[in-house]
């Protein structure tokens, strides 16, 4: 067992210790929480015939506790960045954390002072719409019927003309 899953466990433990001991969010040594769990599960299932059940259970208990500490600490840091209106380093976020943070960042756009909002519109989609290539050269969407979004006003005016959206503000 120590040979089979020690590398994955070692990376998890080292990363968790680093994350807990620093103020800034750290770049993770794995692509996602899902990848980490899949690696651990595959290593444990490969070694399942060799190991006794008690050892596997205690290892999984330790892994669950470590992942819970890691997730809690990273979410705390993300929320600290968010509350201070600091840019969260996207390359340090795992996909699951990005999905958690995105709606909050959209809220921040809606709260932006009036002077910065002049070029933006809050819109409601009347029907689904594929990815939109904005005048600001970014992709937004795809959108479903009834989705609400903040998009550049010039894009909103074009979509309004085409009957795709209603402009809320």
Protein backbone atom coordinates (compact mmCIF):
# COMPACT_ATOMS: atom_id res chain seq x y z
CA UNK A 1 0.00 0.00 0.00
CA UNK A 2 2.67 2.48 0.97
CA UNK A 3 4.21 2.18 -2.49
CA UNK A 4 0.93 2.28 -4.39
CA UNK A 5 -0.77 5.32 -2.92
CA UNK A 6 2.08 7.02 -1.06
CA UNK A 7 2.77 9.48 -3.90
CA UNK A 8 -0.85 10.66 -4.09
CA UNK A 9 -1.13 10.84 -0.30
CA UNK A 10 2.21 12.63 0.02
CA UNK A 11 1.15 15.29 -2.53
CA UNK A 12 -2.21 15.73 -0.77
CA UNK A 13 -0.64 16.04 2.68
CA UNK A 14 2.13 18.42 1.56
CA UNK A 15 -0.33 20.62 -0.29
CA UNK A 16 -2.74 20.69 2.66
CA UNK A 17 0.09 21.65 5.07
CA UNK A 18 1.21 24.42 2.70
CA UNK A 19 -2.35 25.73 2.24
CA UNK A 20 -3.00 25.79 6.00
CA UNK A 21 0.30 27.52 6.79
CA UNK A 22 0.02 30.40 4.28
CA UNK A 23 -2.29 33.38 3.82
CA UNK A 24 -2.38 33.33 0.01
CA UNK A 25 -4.15 30.67 -2.01
CA UNK A 26 -1.64 28.18 -3.42
CA UNK A 27 -1.40 26.60 -6.87
CA UNK A 28 -2.58 22.99 -6.47
CA UNK A 29 -0.51 19.95 -7.50
CA UNK A 30 -3.54 18.30 -9.15
CA UNK A 31 -6.02 19.37 -11.84
CA UNK A 32 -9.19 19.08 -9.74
CA UNK A 33 -10.64 17.52 -6.62
CA UNK A 34 -12.24 14.95 -8.93
CA UNK A 35 -8.81 13.96 -10.33
CA UNK A 36 -7.40 13.60 -6.82
CA UNK A 37 -10.26 11.35 -5.71
CA UNK A 38 -10.04 9.27 -8.90
CA UNK A 39 -6.30 8.76 -8.40
CA UNK A 40 -6.80 7.70 -4.80
CA UNK A 41 -9.67 5.36 -5.67
CA UNK A 42 -7.78 3.73 -8.53
CA UNK A 43 -4.66 3.22 -6.37
CA UNK A 44 -6.74 1.73 -3.56
CA UNK A 45 -8.69 -0.58 -5.86
CA UNK A 46 -5.43 -1.81 -7.48
CA UNK A 47 -4.07 -2.63 -4.05
CA UNK A 48 -7.35 -3.92 -2.62
CA UNK A 49 -6.43 -7.61 -2.76
CA UNK A 50 -3.18 -7.04 -0.90
CA UNK A 51 -4.43 -4.81 1.90
CA UNK A 52 -6.46 -5.55 4.93
CA UNK A 53 -9.81 -3.84 5.19
CA UNK A 54 -8.96 -2.00 8.41
CA UNK A 55 -5.93 -0.35 6.85
CA UNK A 56 -7.94 0.78 3.80
CA UNK A 57 -10.71 2.19 6.03
CA UNK A 58 -8.30 4.11 8.26
CA UNK A 59 -6.48 5.48 5.19
CA UNK A 60 -9.77 6.62 3.63
CA UNK A 61 -10.81 8.24 6.89
CA UNK A 62 -7.55 10.18 6.99
CA UNK A 63 -7.93 11.19 3.32
CA UNK A 64 -11.51 12.42 3.88
CA UNK A 65 -10.45 14.49 6.88
CA UNK A 66 -7.48 15.96 4.99
CA UNK A 67 -9.61 16.86 1.96
CA UNK A 68 -12.22 18.47 4.24
CA UNK A 69 -9.51 20.62 5.88
CA UNK A 70 -8.10 21.55 2.46
CA UNK A 71 -11.47 22.51 0.97
CA UNK A 72 -12.47 24.52 4.05
CA UNK A 73 -9.18 26.44 4.10
CA UNK A 74 -9.23 27.18 0.35
CA UNK A 75 -12.86 28.37 0.43
CA UNK A 76 -12.02 30.63 3.41
CA UNK A 77 -9.15 32.15 1.43
CA UNK A 78 -11.28 32.59 -1.70
CA UNK A 79 -13.95 34.36 0.35
CA UNK A 80 -11.33 36.56 2.01
CA UNK A 81 -10.10 37.64 -1.45
CA UNK A 82 -13.70 38.18 -2.57
CA UNK A 83 -14.69 40.29 0.45
CA UNK A 84 -11.59 42.45 0.05
CA UNK A 85 -12.37 42.81 -3.69
CA UNK A 86 -8.96 41.34 -4.44
CA UNK A 87 -8.40 39.47 -7.70
CA UNK A 88 -8.40 35.73 -7.03
CA UNK A 89 -5.51 34.16 -9.00
CA UNK A 90 -7.37 31.99 -11.53
CA UNK A 91 -4.39 29.67 -12.11
CA UNK A 92 -4.50 28.72 -8.42
CA UNK A 93 -8.18 27.72 -8.53
CA UNK A 94 -9.45 24.22 -9.15
CA UNK A 95 -12.43 23.87 -11.55
CA UNK A 96 -14.80 23.12 -8.66
CA UNK A 97 -13.69 26.35 -6.94
CA UNK A 98 -14.12 28.38 -10.14
CA UNK A 99 -17.70 27.13 -10.46
CA UNK A 100 -18.29 28.20 -6.85
CA UNK A 101 -16.76 31.66 -7.37
CA UNK A 102 -18.22 32.65 -10.77
CA UNK A 103 -21.73 33.59 -9.59
CA UNK A 104 -20.21 35.72 -6.83
CA UNK A 105 -18.04 37.58 -9.34
CA UNK A 106 -21.12 38.26 -11.47
CA UNK A 107 -22.74 39.79 -8.37
CA UNK A 108 -19.72 42.04 -7.98
CA UNK A 109 -20.16 43.25 -11.58
CA UNK A 110 -23.78 44.12 -10.81
CA UNK A 111 -22.64 46.08 -7.73
CA UNK A 112 -19.98 48.08 -9.60
CA UNK A 113 -20.24 51.87 -9.19
CA UNK A 114 -22.36 53.66 -11.79
CA UNK A 115 -19.43 55.25 -13.60
CA UNK A 116 -17.98 51.82 -14.44
CA UNK A 117 -21.34 50.36 -15.45
CA UNK A 118 -22.19 52.78 -18.23
CA UNK A 119 -20.94 50.38 -20.91
CA UNK A 120 -22.80 47.39 -19.44
CA UNK A 121 -26.40 46.24 -19.47
CA UNK A 122 -28.25 43.74 -17.33
CA UNK A 123 -30.31 41.54 -19.64
CA UNK A 124 -32.78 38.66 -19.49
CA UNK A 125 -32.76 36.09 -22.29
CA UNK A 126 -36.12 35.36 -23.94
CA UNK A 127 -34.72 32.17 -25.48
CA UNK A 128 -31.55 30.12 -25.48
CA UNK A 129 -28.54 31.65 -27.19
CA UNK A 130 -25.15 30.09 -28.05
CA UNK A 131 -21.79 31.51 -27.03
CA UNK A 132 -21.67 35.25 -27.71
CA UNK A 133 -18.46 36.83 -29.01
CA UNK A 134 -18.59 40.23 -27.36
CA UNK A 135 -17.42 43.53 -28.78
CA UNK A 136 -14.78 43.37 -26.02
CA UNK A 137 -13.38 40.23 -27.71
CA UNK A 138 -14.41 37.87 -24.92
CA UNK A 139 -16.79 34.94 -25.13
CA UNK A 140 -19.88 34.92 -22.93
CA UNK A 141 -22.52 32.25 -22.65
CA UNK A 142 -24.10 30.06 -23.76
CA UNK A 143 -27.37 31.25 -22.29
CA UNK A 144 -30.66 29.50 -21.57
CA UNK A 145 -34.15 31.00 -21.64
CA UNK A 146 -34.68 33.25 -18.58
CA UNK A 147 -30.93 33.58 -17.83
CA UNK A 148 -29.91 36.99 -16.51
CA UNK A 149 -26.48 38.34 -17.46
CA UNK A 150 -24.36 41.48 -17.49
CA UNK A 151 -23.06 42.10 -21.01
CA UNK A 152 -21.64 45.08 -22.93
CA UNK A 153 -24.42 47.55 -23.81
CA UNK A 154 -23.60 47.46 -27.55
CA UNK A 155 -24.04 43.66 -27.56
CA UNK A 156 -27.26 44.04 -25.58
CA UNK A 157 -28.66 46.54 -28.07
CA UNK A 158 -27.92 44.18 -30.97
CA UNK A 159 -29.53 41.22 -29.19
CA UNK A 160 -32.54 43.39 -28.27
CA UNK A 161 -32.92 44.37 -31.94
CA UNK A 162 -32.88 40.65 -32.83
CA UNK A 163 -35.55 39.87 -30.19
CA UNK A 164 -33.29 37.60 -28.12
CA UNK A 165 -33.28 39.56 -24.86
CA UNK A 166 -35.02 42.17 -22.75
CA UNK A 167 -32.81 44.85 -21.22
CA UNK A 168 -33.50 45.06 -17.48
CA UNK A 169 -31.14 47.97 -16.85
